[in-house]
All heavy atoms as atom14 arrays in JSON, in Angstrom:
{
  "sequence": "FRHPLPTAKVIERQAMLVLCLRFQGLVSALTRTVY",
  "atom14_mask": [
    [1, 1, 1, 1, 1, 1, 1, 1, 1, 1, 1, 0, 0, 0],
    [1, 1, 1, 1, 1, 1, 1, 1, 1, 1, 1, 0, 0, 0],
    [1, 1, 1, 1, 1, 1, 1, 1, 1, 1, 0, 0, 0, 0],
    [1, 1, 1, 1, 1, 1, 1, 0, 0, 0, 0, 0, 0, 0],
    [1, 1, 1, 1, 1, 1, 1, 1, 0, 0, 0, 0, 0, 0],
    [1, 1, 1, 1, 1, 1, 1, 0, 0, 0, 0, 0, 0, 0],
    [1, 1, 1, 1, 1, 1, 1, 0, 0, 0, 0, 0, 0, 0],
    [1, 1, 1, 1, 1, 0, 0, 0, 0, 0, 0, 0, 0, 0],
    [1, 1, 1, 1, 1, 1, 1, 1, 1, 0, 0, 0, 0, 0],
    [1, 1, 1, 1, 1, 1, 1, 0, 0, 0, 0, 0, 0, 0],
    [1, 1, 1, 1, 1, 1, 1, 1, 0, 0, 0, 0, 0, 0],
    [1, 1, 1, 1, 1, 1, 1, 1, 1, 0, 0, 0, 0, 0],
    [1, 1, 1, 1, 1, 1, 1, 1, 1, 1, 1, 0, 0, 0],
    [1, 1, 1, 1, 1, 1, 1, 1, 1, 0, 0, 0, 0, 0],
    [1, 1, 1, 1, 1, 0, 0, 0, 0, 0, 0, 0, 0, 0],
    [1, 1, 1, 1, 1, 1, 1, 1, 0, 0, 0, 0, 0, 0],
    [1, 1, 1, 1, 1, 1, 1, 1, 0, 0, 0, 0, 0, 0],
    [1, 1, 1, 1, 1, 1, 1, 0, 0, 0, 0, 0, 0, 0],
    [1, 1, 1, 1, 1, 1, 1, 1, 0, 0, 0, 0, 0, 0],
    [1, 1, 1, 1, 1, 1, 0, 0, 0, 0, 0, 0, 0, 0],
    [1, 1, 1, 1, 1, 1, 1, 1, 0, 0, 0, 0, 0, 0],
    [1, 1, 1, 1, 1, 1, 1, 1, 1, 1, 1, 0, 0, 0],
    [1, 1, 1, 1, 1, 1, 1, 1, 1, 1, 1, 0, 0, 0],
    [1, 1, 1, 1, 1, 1, 1, 1, 1, 0, 0, 0, 0, 0],
    [1, 1, 1, 1, 0, 0, 0, 0, 0, 0, 0, 0, 0, 0],
    [1, 1, 1, 1, 1, 1, 1, 1, 0, 0, 0, 0, 0, 0],
    [1, 1, 1, 1, 1, 1, 1, 0, 0, 0, 0, 0, 0, 0],
    [1, 1, 1, 1, 1, 1, 0, 0, 0, 0, 0, 0, 0, 0],
    [1, 1, 1, 1, 1, 0, 0, 0, 0, 0, 0, 0, 0, 0],
    [1, 1, 1, 1, 1, 1, 1, 1, 0, 0, 0, 0, 0, 0],
    [1, 1, 1, 1, 1, 1, 1, 0, 0, 0, 0, 0, 0, 0],
    [1, 1, 1, 1, 1, 1, 1, 1, 1, 1, 1, 0, 0, 0],
    [1, 1, 1, 1, 1, 1, 1, 0, 0, 0, 0, 0, 0, 0],
    [1, 1, 1, 1, 1, 1, 1, 0, 0, 0, 0, 0, 0, 0],
    [1, 1, 1, 1, 1, 1, 1, 1, 1, 1, 1, 1, 0, 0]
  ],
  "atom14_positions": [
    [[1.88, 6.52, -11.03], [0.49, 6.0, -10.8], [0.0, 6.5, -9.43], [0.67, 6.04, -8.48], [0.34, 4.57, -11.02], [0.85, 4.07, -12.38], [1.95, 3.24, -12.32], [0.53, 4.52, -13.51], [2.57, 2.78, -13.61], [0.98, 4.04, -14.76], [2.04, 3.23, -14.75], [0.0, 0.0, 0.0], [0.0, 0.0, 0.0], [0.0, 0.0, 0.0]],
    [[-1.06, 7.08, -9.42], [-1.69, 7.48, -7.96], [-2.33, 6.29, -7.31], [-2.27, 6.17, -6.16], [-2.7, 8.59, -8.08], [-2.12, 9.92, -8.64], [-1.03, 10.22, -7.69], [-0.47, 11.63, -8.05], [-0.79, 12.8, -7.74], [-1.78, 12.97, -6.87], [-0.24, 13.87, -8.12], [0.0, 0.0, 0.0], [0.0, 0.0, 0.0], [0.0, 0.0, 0.0]],
    [[-2.82, 5.23, -8.0], [-3.34, 4.08, -7.51], [-2.57, 2.9, -8.0], [-2.96, 2.15, -8.93], [-4.8, 3.9, -7.75], [-5.69, 4.79, -6.91], [-6.94, 5.05, -7.32], [-5.35, 5.44, -5.91], [-7.46, 5.88, -6.49], [-6.53, 6.18, -5.59], [0.0, 0.0, 0.0], [0.0, 0.0, 0.0], [0.0, 0.0, 0.0], [0.0, 0.0, 0.0]],
    [[-1.3, 2.65, -7.43], [-0.37, 1.66, -8.16], [-0.95, 0.25, -7.53], [-0.42, -0.36, -6.49], [0.96, 2.01, -7.5], [0.7, 2.61, -6.31], [-0.57, 3.29, -6.43], [0.0, 0.0, 0.0], [0.0, 0.0, 0.0], [0.0, 0.0, 0.0], [0.0, 0.0, 0.0], [0.0, 0.0, 0.0], [0.0, 0.0, 0.0], [0.0, 0.0, 0.0]],
    [[-1.6, -0.51, -8.37], [-1.94, -1.89, -8.02], [-0.57, -2.72, -8.16], [0.14, -2.49, -8.98], [-3.05, -2.5, -9.04], [-4.35, -1.93, -9.01], [-5.18, -2.4, -10.21], [-5.05, -2.09, -7.73], [0.0, 0.0, 0.0], [0.0, 0.0, 0.0], [0.0, 0.0, 0.0], [0.0, 0.0, 0.0], [0.0, 0.0, 0.0], [0.0, 0.0, 0.0]],
    [[-0.51, -3.57, -7.19], [0.82, -4.38, -7.13], [0.93, -5.17, -8.33], [0.11, -5.88, -9.0], [0.68, -5.23, -5.82], [-0.8, -5.31, -5.67], [-1.38, -3.97, -6.07], [0.0, 0.0, 0.0], [0.0, 0.0, 0.0], [0.0, 0.0, 0.0], [0.0, 0.0, 0.0], [0.0, 0.0, 0.0], [0.0, 0.0, 0.0], [0.0, 0.0, 0.0]],
    [[2.32, -5.24, -8.74], [2.66, -6.07, -10.02], [3.77, -6.92, -9.63], [4.32, -6.9, -8.44], [3.14, -5.1, -11.18], [4.3, -4.51, -10.81], [1.96, -3.97, -11.36], [0.0, 0.0, 0.0], [0.0, 0.0, 0.0], [0.0, 0.0, 0.0], [0.0, 0.0, 0.0], [0.0, 0.0, 0.0], [0.0, 0.0, 0.0], [0.0, 0.0, 0.0]],
    [[4.29, -7.64, -10.62], [5.51, -8.55, -10.45], [6.71, -7.75, -10.48], [7.86, -8.36, -10.42], [5.43, -9.61, -11.47], [0.0, 0.0, 0.0], [0.0, 0.0, 0.0], [0.0, 0.0, 0.0], [0.0, 0.0, 0.0], [0.0, 0.0, 0.0], [0.0, 0.0, 0.0], [0.0, 0.0, 0.0], [0.0, 0.0, 0.0], [0.0, 0.0, 0.0]],
    [[6.63, -6.4, -10.5], [7.95, -5.67, -10.61], [8.76, -5.74, -9.28], [8.18, -5.9, -8.22], [7.57, -4.15, -10.68], [8.82, -3.17, -10.89], [8.54, -1.75, -10.59], [9.7, -0.92, -10.48], [10.56, -1.38, -9.29], [0.0, 0.0, 0.0], [0.0, 0.0, 0.0], [0.0, 0.0, 0.0], [0.0, 0.0, 0.0], [0.0, 0.0, 0.0]],
    [[10.0, -6.0, -9.5], [10.96, -6.23, -8.4], [11.24, -4.84, -7.74], [11.45, -3.8, -8.41], [12.3, -6.85, -8.81], [13.25, -6.79, -7.65], [12.06, -8.28, -9.29], [0.0, 0.0, 0.0], [0.0, 0.0, 0.0], [0.0, 0.0, 0.0], [0.0, 0.0, 0.0], [0.0, 0.0, 0.0], [0.0, 0.0, 0.0], [0.0, 0.0, 0.0]],
    [[11.17, -4.77, -6.38], [11.44, -3.52, -5.59], [12.94, -3.41, -5.6], [13.68, -4.21, -5.2], [10.87, -3.68, -4.21], [9.39, -3.84, -4.29], [11.32, -2.47, -3.37], [8.7, -4.19, -2.83], [0.0, 0.0, 0.0], [0.0, 0.0, 0.0], [0.0, 0.0, 0.0], [0.0, 0.0, 0.0], [0.0, 0.0, 0.0], [0.0, 0.0, 0.0]],
    [[13.38, -2.2, -6.01], [14.83, -1.88, -6.02], [15.25, -1.05, -4.84], [15.96, -1.52, -3.85], [15.22, -1.16, -7.3], [14.89, -2.09, -8.5], [15.09, -1.27, -9.82], [15.74, -0.37, -9.92], [14.43, -1.73, -10.84], [0.0, 0.0, 0.0], [0.0, 0.0, 0.0], [0.0, 0.0, 0.0], [0.0, 0.0, 0.0], [0.0, 0.0, 0.0]],
    [[14.75, 0.19, -4.74], [15.11, 1.17, -3.68], [14.04, 1.57, -2.83], [14.24, 1.83, -1.72], [15.81, 2.39, -4.33], [17.21, 2.15, -4.79], [18.12, 1.97, -3.69], [19.56, 2.05, -3.98], [20.57, 1.99, -3.12], [20.34, 1.93, -1.82], [21.82, 2.02, -3.56], [0.0, 0.0, 0.0], [0.0, 0.0, 0.0], [0.0, 0.0, 0.0]],
    [[12.84, 1.86, -3.38], [11.69, 2.46, -2.7], [10.43, 1.75, -2.87], [10.16, 1.19, -4.0], [11.68, 3.92, -3.13], [10.62, 4.8, -2.51], [10.46, 6.05, -3.14], [11.2, 6.35, -4.05], [9.42, 6.88, -2.62], [0.0, 0.0, 0.0], [0.0, 0.0, 0.0], [0.0, 0.0, 0.0], [0.0, 0.0, 0.0], [0.0, 0.0, 0.0]],
    [[9.6, 1.7, -1.92], [8.29, 1.21, -1.93], [7.28, 2.04, -1.13], [7.61, 2.39, 0.0], [8.22, -0.26, -1.53], [0.0, 0.0, 0.0], [0.0, 0.0, 0.0], [0.0, 0.0, 0.0], [0.0, 0.0, 0.0], [0.0, 0.0, 0.0], [0.0, 0.0, 0.0], [0.0, 0.0, 0.0], [0.0, 0.0, 0.0], [0.0, 0.0, 0.0]],
    [[6.05, 2.17, -1.75], [4.99, 2.82, -0.9], [3.89, 1.85, -0.81], [3.49, 1.31, -1.75], [4.51, 4.21, -1.66], [3.33, 4.89, -0.91], [2.77, 6.32, -1.77], [1.78, 5.54, -3.11], [0.0, 0.0, 0.0], [0.0, 0.0, 0.0], [0.0, 0.0, 0.0], [0.0, 0.0, 0.0], [0.0, 0.0, 0.0], [0.0, 0.0, 0.0]],
    [[3.42, 1.6, 0.35], [2.37, 0.64, 0.76], [1.08, 1.45, 1.28], [1.27, 2.29, 2.09], [2.86, -0.42, 1.73], [3.65, -1.56, 1.2], [4.88, -1.17, 0.51], [3.86, -2.58, 2.32], [0.0, 0.0, 0.0], [0.0, 0.0, 0.0], [0.0, 0.0, 0.0], [0.0, 0.0, 0.0], [0.0, 0.0, 0.0], [0.0, 0.0, 0.0]],
    [[-0.05, 1.02, 0.69], [-1.27, 1.63, 1.11], [-2.22, 0.51, 1.62], [-2.36, -0.61, 0.87], [-1.98, 2.36, -0.02], [-3.31, 2.94, 0.34], [-1.04, 3.38, -0.67], [0.0, 0.0, 0.0], [0.0, 0.0, 0.0], [0.0, 0.0, 0.0], [0.0, 0.0, 0.0], [0.0, 0.0, 0.0], [0.0, 0.0, 0.0], [0.0, 0.0, 0.0]],
    [[-2.86, 0.63, 2.74], [-3.69, -0.32, 3.26], [-5.01, 0.16, 3.77], [-5.1, 1.2, 4.46], [-2.97, -1.05, 4.47], [-3.81, -2.01, 5.22], [-4.33, -3.26, 4.45], [-3.08, -2.64, 6.48], [0.0, 0.0, 0.0], [0.0, 0.0, 0.0], [0.0, 0.0, 0.0], [0.0, 0.0, 0.0], [0.0, 0.0, 0.0], [0.0, 0.0, 0.0]],
    [[-6.1, -0.42, 3.31], [-7.5, -0.18, 3.98], [-7.81, -1.55, 4.61], [-7.89, -2.54, 3.91], [-8.47, 0.25, 2.98], [-8.25, 1.89, 2.39], [0.0, 0.0, 0.0], [0.0, 0.0, 0.0], [0.0, 0.0, 0.0], [0.0, 0.0, 0.0], [0.0, 0.0, 0.0], [0.0, 0.0, 0.0], [0.0, 0.0, 0.0], [0.0, 0.0, 0.0]],
    [[-7.98, -1.48, 5.96], [-8.3, -2.8, 6.62], [-9.64, -2.71, 7.36], [-9.98, -1.72, 7.92], [-7.3, -3.01, 7.71], [-7.43, -4.28, 8.53], [-6.02, -4.83, 8.96], [-8.24, -4.06, 9.84], [0.0, 0.0, 0.0], [0.0, 0.0, 0.0], [0.0, 0.0, 0.0], [0.0, 0.0, 0.0], [0.0, 0.0, 0.0], [0.0, 0.0, 0.0]],
    [[-10.54, -3.65, 6.97], [-11.87, -3.67, 7.55], [-11.74, -4.58, 8.82], [-11.47, -5.85, 8.69], [-12.85, -4.16, 6.52], [-14.25, -4.24, 7.1], [-15.37, -4.4, 6.03], [-15.15, -5.56, 5.25], [-15.61, -5.86, 4.06], [-16.25, -4.91, 3.44], [-15.53, -6.91, 3.41], [0.0, 0.0, 0.0], [0.0, 0.0, 0.0], [0.0, 0.0, 0.0]],
    [[-12.23, -4.09, 9.95], [-12.35, -4.93, 11.1], [-13.75, -4.69, 11.77], [-14.0, -3.54, 12.1], [-11.3, -4.62, 12.11], [-11.24, -5.17, 13.49], [-11.0, -6.57, 13.54], [-11.71, -4.64, 14.53], [-11.03, -7.17, 14.82], [-11.79, -5.12, 15.74], [-11.39, -6.57, 15.87], [0.0, 0.0, 0.0], [0.0, 0.0, 0.0], [0.0, 0.0, 0.0]],
    [[-14.5, -5.73, 11.88], [-15.88, -5.75, 12.37], [-16.65, -4.57, 11.73], [-17.3, -3.84, 12.39], [-15.81, -5.53, 13.94], [-15.16, -6.81, 14.63], [-15.17, -6.73, 16.1], [-15.62, -5.73, 16.61], [-14.66, -7.84, 16.69], [0.0, 0.0, 0.0], [0.0, 0.0, 0.0], [0.0, 0.0, 0.0], [0.0, 0.0, 0.0], [0.0, 0.0, 0.0]],
    [[-16.6, -4.56, 10.41], [-17.29, -3.68, 9.61], [-16.6, -2.3, 9.33], [-16.88, -1.71, 8.24], [0.0, 0.0, 0.0], [0.0, 0.0, 0.0], [0.0, 0.0, 0.0], [0.0, 0.0, 0.0], [0.0, 0.0, 0.0], [0.0, 0.0, 0.0], [0.0, 0.0, 0.0], [0.0, 0.0, 0.0], [0.0, 0.0, 0.0], [0.0, 0.0, 0.0]],
    [[-15.78, -1.88, 10.28], [-15.19, -0.47, 10.19], [-13.87, -0.57, 9.39], [-13.04, -1.44, 9.73], [-15.09, 0.09, 11.59], [-16.44, 0.6, 12.14], [-16.4, 0.59, 13.65], [-16.93, 1.87, 11.56], [0.0, 0.0, 0.0], [0.0, 0.0, 0.0], [0.0, 0.0, 0.0], [0.0, 0.0, 0.0], [0.0, 0.0, 0.0], [0.0, 0.0, 0.0]],
    [[-13.58, 0.41, 8.6], [-12.38, 0.5, 7.81], [-11.42, 1.55, 8.37], [-11.76, 2.61, 8.74], [-12.72, 0.87, 6.3], [-11.49, 0.78, 5.47], [-13.7, -0.25, 5.86], [0.0, 0.0, 0.0], [0.0, 0.0, 0.0], [0.0, 0.0, 0.0], [0.0, 0.0, 0.0], [0.0, 0.0, 0.0], [0.0, 0.0, 0.0], [0.0, 0.0, 0.0]],
    [[-10.14, 1.2, 8.44], [-9.03, 2.07, 8.8], [-8.14, 2.13, 7.54], [-7.93, 1.12, 6.79], [-8.25, 1.56, 10.05], [-9.11, 1.47, 11.01], [0.0, 0.0, 0.0], [0.0, 0.0, 0.0], [0.0, 0.0, 0.0], [0.0, 0.0, 0.0], [0.0, 0.0, 0.0], [0.0, 0.0, 0.0], [0.0, 0.0, 0.0], [0.0, 0.0, 0.0]],
    [[-7.48, 3.24, 7.29], [-6.57, 3.52, 6.11], [-5.34, 4.13, 6.53], [-5.17, 5.02, 7.44], [-7.34, 4.34, 5.01], [0.0, 0.0, 0.0], [0.0, 0.0, 0.0], [0.0, 0.0, 0.0], [0.0, 0.0, 0.0], [0.0, 0.0, 0.0], [0.0, 0.0, 0.0], [0.0, 0.0, 0.0], [0.0, 0.0, 0.0], [0.0, 0.0, 0.0]],
    [[-4.26, 3.78, 5.85], [-2.94, 4.48, 6.1], [-1.98, 4.12, 5.0], [-2.11, 3.08, 4.27], [-2.3, 3.99, 7.42], [-1.65, 2.6, 7.64], [-0.74, 2.53, 8.77], [-2.74, 1.56, 7.63], [0.0, 0.0, 0.0], [0.0, 0.0, 0.0], [0.0, 0.0, 0.0], [0.0, 0.0, 0.0], [0.0, 0.0, 0.0], [0.0, 0.0, 0.0]],
    [[-1.05, 4.95, 4.77], [0.03, 4.79, 3.73], [1.37, 5.07, 4.37], [1.56, 5.93, 5.28], [-0.06, 5.94, 2.64], [-1.45, 5.7, 1.99], [0.97, 5.86, 1.61], [0.0, 0.0, 0.0], [0.0, 0.0, 0.0], [0.0, 0.0, 0.0], [0.0, 0.0, 0.0], [0.0, 0.0, 0.0], [0.0, 0.0, 0.0], [0.0, 0.0, 0.0]],
    [[2.43, 4.25, 4.04], [3.79, 4.4, 4.47], [4.78, 4.12, 3.28], [4.51, 3.39, 2.39], [4.01, 3.47, 5.65], [3.29, 3.71, 6.91], [3.63, 5.09, 7.47], [2.93, 5.21, 8.83], [1.83, 5.88, 9.04], [1.11, 6.26, 7.93], [1.29, 5.93, 10.17], [0.0, 0.0, 0.0], [0.0, 0.0, 0.0], [0.0, 0.0, 0.0]],
    [[5.9, 4.84, 3.44], [6.88, 4.74, 2.31], [8.3, 4.22, 3.07], [8.58, 4.75, 4.18], [7.17, 5.95, 1.74], [5.98, 6.4, 1.1], [8.28, 5.95, 0.62], [0.0, 0.0, 0.0], [0.0, 0.0, 0.0], [0.0, 0.0, 0.0], [0.0, 0.0, 0.0], [0.0, 0.0, 0.0], [0.0, 0.0, 0.0], [0.0, 0.0, 0.0]],
    [[8.96, 3.37, 2.34], [10.23, 2.75, 2.82], [11.27, 3.0, 1.74], [10.93, 2.99, 0.51], [10.18, 1.32, 3.21], [9.66, 0.44, 2.12], [11.54, 0.8, 3.8], [0.0, 0.0, 0.0], [0.0, 0.0, 0.0], [0.0, 0.0, 0.0], [0.0, 0.0, 0.0], [0.0, 0.0, 0.0], [0.0, 0.0, 0.0], [0.0, 0.0, 0.0]],
    [[12.54, 3.32, 2.13], [13.56, 3.59, 1.17], [14.85, 2.68, 1.66], [15.16, 2.87, 2.83], [13.85, 4.94, 1.08], [14.9, 5.29, -0.11], [14.2, 5.76, -1.3], [16.33, 5.14, -0.16], [14.96, 5.95, -2.46], [17.02, 5.4, -1.17], [16.36, 5.76, -2.4], [17.2, 6.1, -3.45], [0.0, 0.0, 0.0], [0.0, 0.0, 0.0]]
  ]
}
């Protein structure tokens, strides 16, 4: 899935997290992967 909405699935080995954060109106975006 290109847009993986979070589910109750248990993380086993790998996770990719995507964040858009709005601060004082302006949005910043980033993606990171952990193994």
